[in-house]
Amino acid sequence: MLLNYFIIINIIAFFAYFIDKSKAKKNKYRISENSLLFLALIGGGAGSIIGMSLFRHKTQKLKFTILVPLLTVINIFILYKFM
C-alpha cells in the first residue's frame, strides 16, 4: 500500500514538472514553487528529480537543488523503514 502511494505521488510530481515547464515556455499560469516542493515533501522526490533533470526545470534554483534531493533521501529512508 505504501509502495503504491510512493509510485503514484512520484508520477504526479514528474508530470507537475512537465506541466510547469510547458507553461513556462508559453508564459501561462504556472504551478507554484511551493506546490512543486510540497510534492517532493510528501513523497514525490524521485519524480521531482527526474522531472527536473529531464525537462531542465528549476535546476538553477538553489532551494530546489538542495531541498528536492534532501527530501528524496528522507522519503527513501521512510519507505525503507516502513516496508
N, C-alpha and C. Protein backbone atom coordinates (compact mmCIF):
# COMPACT_ATOMS: atom_id res chain seq x y z
N MET A 1 0.83 -1.19 0.00
CA MET A 1 0.00 0.00 0.00
C MET A 1 0.87 1.26 0.00
N LEU A 2 1.87 1.30 0.87
CA LEU A 2 2.77 2.46 0.94
C LEU A 2 3.58 2.59 -0.34
N LEU A 3 4.01 1.47 -0.89
CA LEU A 3 4.77 1.50 -2.14
C LEU A 3 3.92 2.06 -3.27
N ASN A 4 2.65 1.67 -3.33
CA ASN A 4 1.74 2.21 -4.35
C ASN A 4 1.60 3.72 -4.21
N TYR A 5 1.51 4.20 -2.98
CA TYR A 5 1.42 5.64 -2.75
C TYR A 5 2.65 6.35 -3.32
N PHE A 6 3.83 5.83 -3.01
CA PHE A 6 5.07 6.46 -3.49
C PHE A 6 5.15 6.44 -5.02
N ILE A 7 4.70 5.37 -5.63
CA ILE A 7 4.71 5.30 -7.09
C ILE A 7 3.79 6.36 -7.68
N ILE A 8 2.59 6.46 -7.15
CA ILE A 8 1.61 7.43 -7.67
C ILE A 8 2.07 8.86 -7.44
N ILE A 9 2.55 9.20 -6.25
CA ILE A 9 2.95 10.57 -5.96
C ILE A 9 4.17 10.97 -6.79
N ASN A 10 5.04 10.03 -7.10
CA ASN A 10 6.20 10.33 -7.94
C ASN A 10 5.79 10.56 -9.40
N ILE A 11 4.82 9.83 -9.87
CA ILE A 11 4.29 10.07 -11.22
C ILE A 11 3.65 11.45 -11.28
N ILE A 12 2.88 11.80 -10.26
CA ILE A 12 2.25 13.12 -10.20
C ILE A 12 3.31 14.22 -10.18
N ALA A 13 4.34 14.05 -9.36
CA ALA A 13 5.41 15.05 -9.27
C ALA A 13 6.12 15.21 -10.62
N PHE A 14 6.42 14.10 -11.26
CA PHE A 14 7.07 14.13 -12.57
C PHE A 14 6.25 14.96 -13.56
N PHE A 15 4.97 14.67 -13.64
CA PHE A 15 4.11 15.39 -14.59
C PHE A 15 3.90 16.84 -14.17
N ALA A 16 3.97 17.14 -12.89
CA ALA A 16 3.87 18.53 -12.44
C ALA A 16 5.03 19.35 -12.99
N TYR A 17 6.22 18.78 -12.99
CA TYR A 17 7.38 19.48 -13.56
C TYR A 17 7.24 19.63 -15.07
N PHE A 18 6.71 18.61 -15.72
CA PHE A 18 6.47 18.70 -17.16
C PHE A 18 5.47 19.81 -17.49
N ILE A 19 4.36 19.83 -16.75
CA ILE A 19 3.33 20.84 -16.99
C ILE A 19 3.86 22.23 -16.71
N ASP A 20 4.58 22.40 -15.60
CA ASP A 20 5.11 23.72 -15.26
C ASP A 20 6.11 24.20 -16.31
N LYS A 21 6.96 23.32 -16.78
CA LYS A 21 7.94 23.69 -17.81
C LYS A 21 7.22 24.07 -19.10
N SER A 22 6.20 23.31 -19.47
CA SER A 22 5.43 23.61 -20.68
C SER A 22 4.76 24.97 -20.57
N LYS A 23 4.18 25.25 -19.41
CA LYS A 23 3.51 26.53 -19.21
C LYS A 23 4.52 27.67 -19.16
N ALA A 24 5.69 27.43 -18.64
CA ALA A 24 6.73 28.47 -18.59
C ALA A 24 7.13 28.88 -20.00
N LYS A 25 7.22 27.92 -20.89
CA LYS A 25 7.59 28.22 -22.28
C LYS A 25 6.52 29.06 -22.98
N LYS A 26 5.27 28.90 -22.55
CA LYS A 26 4.15 29.61 -23.20
C LYS A 26 3.71 30.85 -22.42
N ASN A 27 4.46 31.19 -21.36
CA ASN A 27 4.12 32.33 -20.49
C ASN A 27 2.70 32.25 -19.95
N LYS A 28 2.29 31.07 -19.56
CA LYS A 28 0.97 30.86 -18.98
C LYS A 28 1.08 30.72 -17.47
N TYR A 29 -0.11 30.66 -16.82
CA TYR A 29 -0.17 30.47 -15.38
C TYR A 29 0.58 29.19 -15.01
N ARG A 30 1.40 29.29 -13.97
CA ARG A 30 2.30 28.19 -13.62
C ARG A 30 1.94 27.56 -12.28
N ILE A 31 2.52 26.40 -12.05
CA ILE A 31 2.42 25.73 -10.75
C ILE A 31 3.39 26.44 -9.82
N SER A 32 2.95 26.75 -8.61
CA SER A 32 3.81 27.49 -7.69
C SER A 32 5.01 26.64 -7.25
N GLU A 33 6.09 27.33 -6.93
CA GLU A 33 7.28 26.63 -6.44
C GLU A 33 6.97 25.87 -5.16
N ASN A 34 6.15 26.47 -4.30
CA ASN A 34 5.78 25.78 -3.06
C ASN A 34 5.04 24.48 -3.34
N SER A 35 4.20 24.47 -4.35
CA SER A 35 3.48 23.24 -4.70
C SER A 35 4.43 22.17 -5.22
N LEU A 36 5.38 22.58 -6.04
CA LEU A 36 6.37 21.62 -6.55
C LEU A 36 7.20 21.04 -5.41
N LEU A 37 7.61 21.90 -4.49
CA LEU A 37 8.39 21.42 -3.34
C LEU A 37 7.53 20.55 -2.42
N PHE A 38 6.26 20.90 -2.29
CA PHE A 38 5.35 20.11 -1.45
C PHE A 38 5.22 18.68 -1.98
N LEU A 39 5.18 18.55 -3.29
CA LEU A 39 5.12 17.20 -3.88
C LEU A 39 6.34 16.38 -3.49
N ALA A 40 7.50 17.01 -3.47
CA ALA A 40 8.72 16.31 -3.04
C ALA A 40 8.63 15.96 -1.56
N LEU A 41 8.08 16.87 -0.77
CA LEU A 41 7.95 16.66 0.67
C LEU A 41 7.07 15.45 1.00
N ILE A 42 5.98 15.30 0.27
CA ILE A 42 5.03 14.23 0.59
C ILE A 42 5.32 12.91 -0.12
N GLY A 43 6.52 12.80 -0.68
CA GLY A 43 6.93 11.52 -1.23
C GLY A 43 7.29 11.51 -2.69
N GLY A 44 7.18 12.65 -3.35
CA GLY A 44 7.44 12.69 -4.78
C GLY A 44 8.83 13.15 -5.15
N GLY A 45 9.79 12.92 -4.28
CA GLY A 45 11.15 13.39 -4.51
C GLY A 45 11.80 12.80 -5.74
N ALA A 46 11.67 11.50 -5.94
CA ALA A 46 12.30 10.86 -7.10
C ALA A 46 11.69 11.37 -8.40
N GLY A 47 10.38 11.49 -8.44
CA GLY A 47 9.72 12.03 -9.63
C GLY A 47 10.11 13.47 -9.88
N SER A 48 10.31 14.22 -8.80
CA SER A 48 10.75 15.61 -8.92
C SER A 48 12.15 15.69 -9.51
N ILE A 49 13.05 14.87 -9.00
CA ILE A 49 14.43 14.88 -9.51
C ILE A 49 14.47 14.48 -10.98
N ILE A 50 13.73 13.45 -11.34
CA ILE A 50 13.70 13.02 -12.74
C ILE A 50 13.11 14.11 -13.62
N GLY A 51 12.02 14.73 -13.16
CA GLY A 51 11.41 15.81 -13.92
C GLY A 51 12.32 17.01 -14.05
N MET A 52 12.99 17.37 -12.97
CA MET A 52 13.93 18.49 -13.02
C MET A 52 15.04 18.22 -14.03
N SER A 53 15.57 17.02 -14.00
CA SER A 53 16.69 16.66 -14.88
C SER A 53 16.25 16.54 -16.34
N LEU A 54 15.19 15.80 -16.56
CA LEU A 54 14.75 15.53 -17.92
C LEU A 54 14.27 16.80 -18.63
N PHE A 55 13.54 17.66 -17.90
CA PHE A 55 12.97 18.86 -18.51
C PHE A 55 13.85 20.10 -18.28
N ARG A 56 14.97 19.90 -17.59
CA ARG A 56 15.87 21.01 -17.24
C ARG A 56 15.09 22.17 -16.64
N HIS A 57 14.35 21.84 -15.59
CA HIS A 57 13.44 22.79 -14.97
C HIS A 57 13.79 22.95 -13.50
N LYS A 58 13.95 24.18 -13.07
CA LYS A 58 14.27 24.55 -11.69
C LYS A 58 15.67 24.10 -11.28
N THR A 59 16.50 23.76 -12.22
CA THR A 59 17.85 23.27 -11.90
C THR A 59 18.81 24.39 -11.52
N GLN A 60 18.45 25.62 -11.81
CA GLN A 60 19.30 26.76 -11.44
C GLN A 60 18.88 27.38 -10.11
N LYS A 61 17.77 26.91 -9.56
CA LYS A 61 17.26 27.45 -8.29
C LYS A 61 17.88 26.67 -7.13
N LEU A 62 18.61 27.39 -6.29
CA LEU A 62 19.34 26.76 -5.19
C LEU A 62 18.43 25.98 -4.26
N LYS A 63 17.26 26.55 -3.93
CA LYS A 63 16.39 25.83 -2.99
C LYS A 63 15.91 24.51 -3.56
N PHE A 64 15.76 24.42 -4.88
CA PHE A 64 15.36 23.16 -5.50
C PHE A 64 16.51 22.17 -5.55
N THR A 65 17.71 22.67 -5.85
CA THR A 65 18.86 21.76 -5.95
C THR A 65 19.30 21.22 -4.60
N ILE A 66 18.88 21.88 -3.53
CA ILE A 66 19.21 21.40 -2.18
C ILE A 66 18.04 20.63 -1.58
N LEU A 67 16.84 21.23 -1.60
CA LEU A 67 15.70 20.63 -0.91
C LEU A 67 15.18 19.35 -1.57
N VAL A 68 15.08 19.34 -2.87
CA VAL A 68 14.50 18.16 -3.53
C VAL A 68 15.34 16.91 -3.28
N PRO A 69 16.67 16.94 -3.47
CA PRO A 69 17.45 15.74 -3.15
C PRO A 69 17.38 15.36 -1.66
N LEU A 70 17.39 16.37 -0.79
CA LEU A 70 17.30 16.10 0.65
C LEU A 70 15.97 15.42 0.98
N LEU A 71 14.89 15.94 0.44
CA LEU A 71 13.58 15.34 0.69
C LEU A 71 13.50 13.94 0.09
N THR A 72 14.18 13.72 -1.01
CA THR A 72 14.19 12.39 -1.63
C THR A 72 14.89 11.38 -0.73
N VAL A 73 16.00 11.76 -0.15
CA VAL A 73 16.71 10.88 0.78
C VAL A 73 15.82 10.56 1.98
N ILE A 74 15.15 11.57 2.50
CA ILE A 74 14.24 11.36 3.63
C ILE A 74 13.11 10.41 3.23
N ASN A 75 12.56 10.60 2.03
CA ASN A 75 11.48 9.72 1.55
C ASN A 75 11.96 8.28 1.41
N ILE A 76 13.15 8.09 0.88
CA ILE A 76 13.70 6.73 0.73
C ILE A 76 13.90 6.09 2.10
N PHE A 77 14.38 6.86 3.06
CA PHE A 77 14.55 6.35 4.41
C PHE A 77 13.21 5.93 5.01
N ILE A 78 12.20 6.76 4.84
CA ILE A 78 10.86 6.44 5.37
C ILE A 78 10.32 5.18 4.70
N LEU A 79 10.46 5.10 3.39
CA LEU A 79 9.99 3.91 2.67
C LEU A 79 10.72 2.66 3.15
N TYR A 80 12.03 2.76 3.34
CA TYR A 80 12.83 1.63 3.82
C TYR A 80 12.39 1.20 5.22
N LYS A 81 12.16 2.18 6.11
CA LYS A 81 11.80 1.87 7.50
C LYS A 81 10.44 1.19 7.62
N PHE A 82 9.51 1.56 6.74
CA PHE A 82 8.14 1.06 6.88
C PHE A 82 7.79 -0.07 5.93
N MET A 83 8.75 -0.52 5.14
CA MET A 83 8.47 -1.63 4.22
C MET A 83 8.77 -2.96 4.88
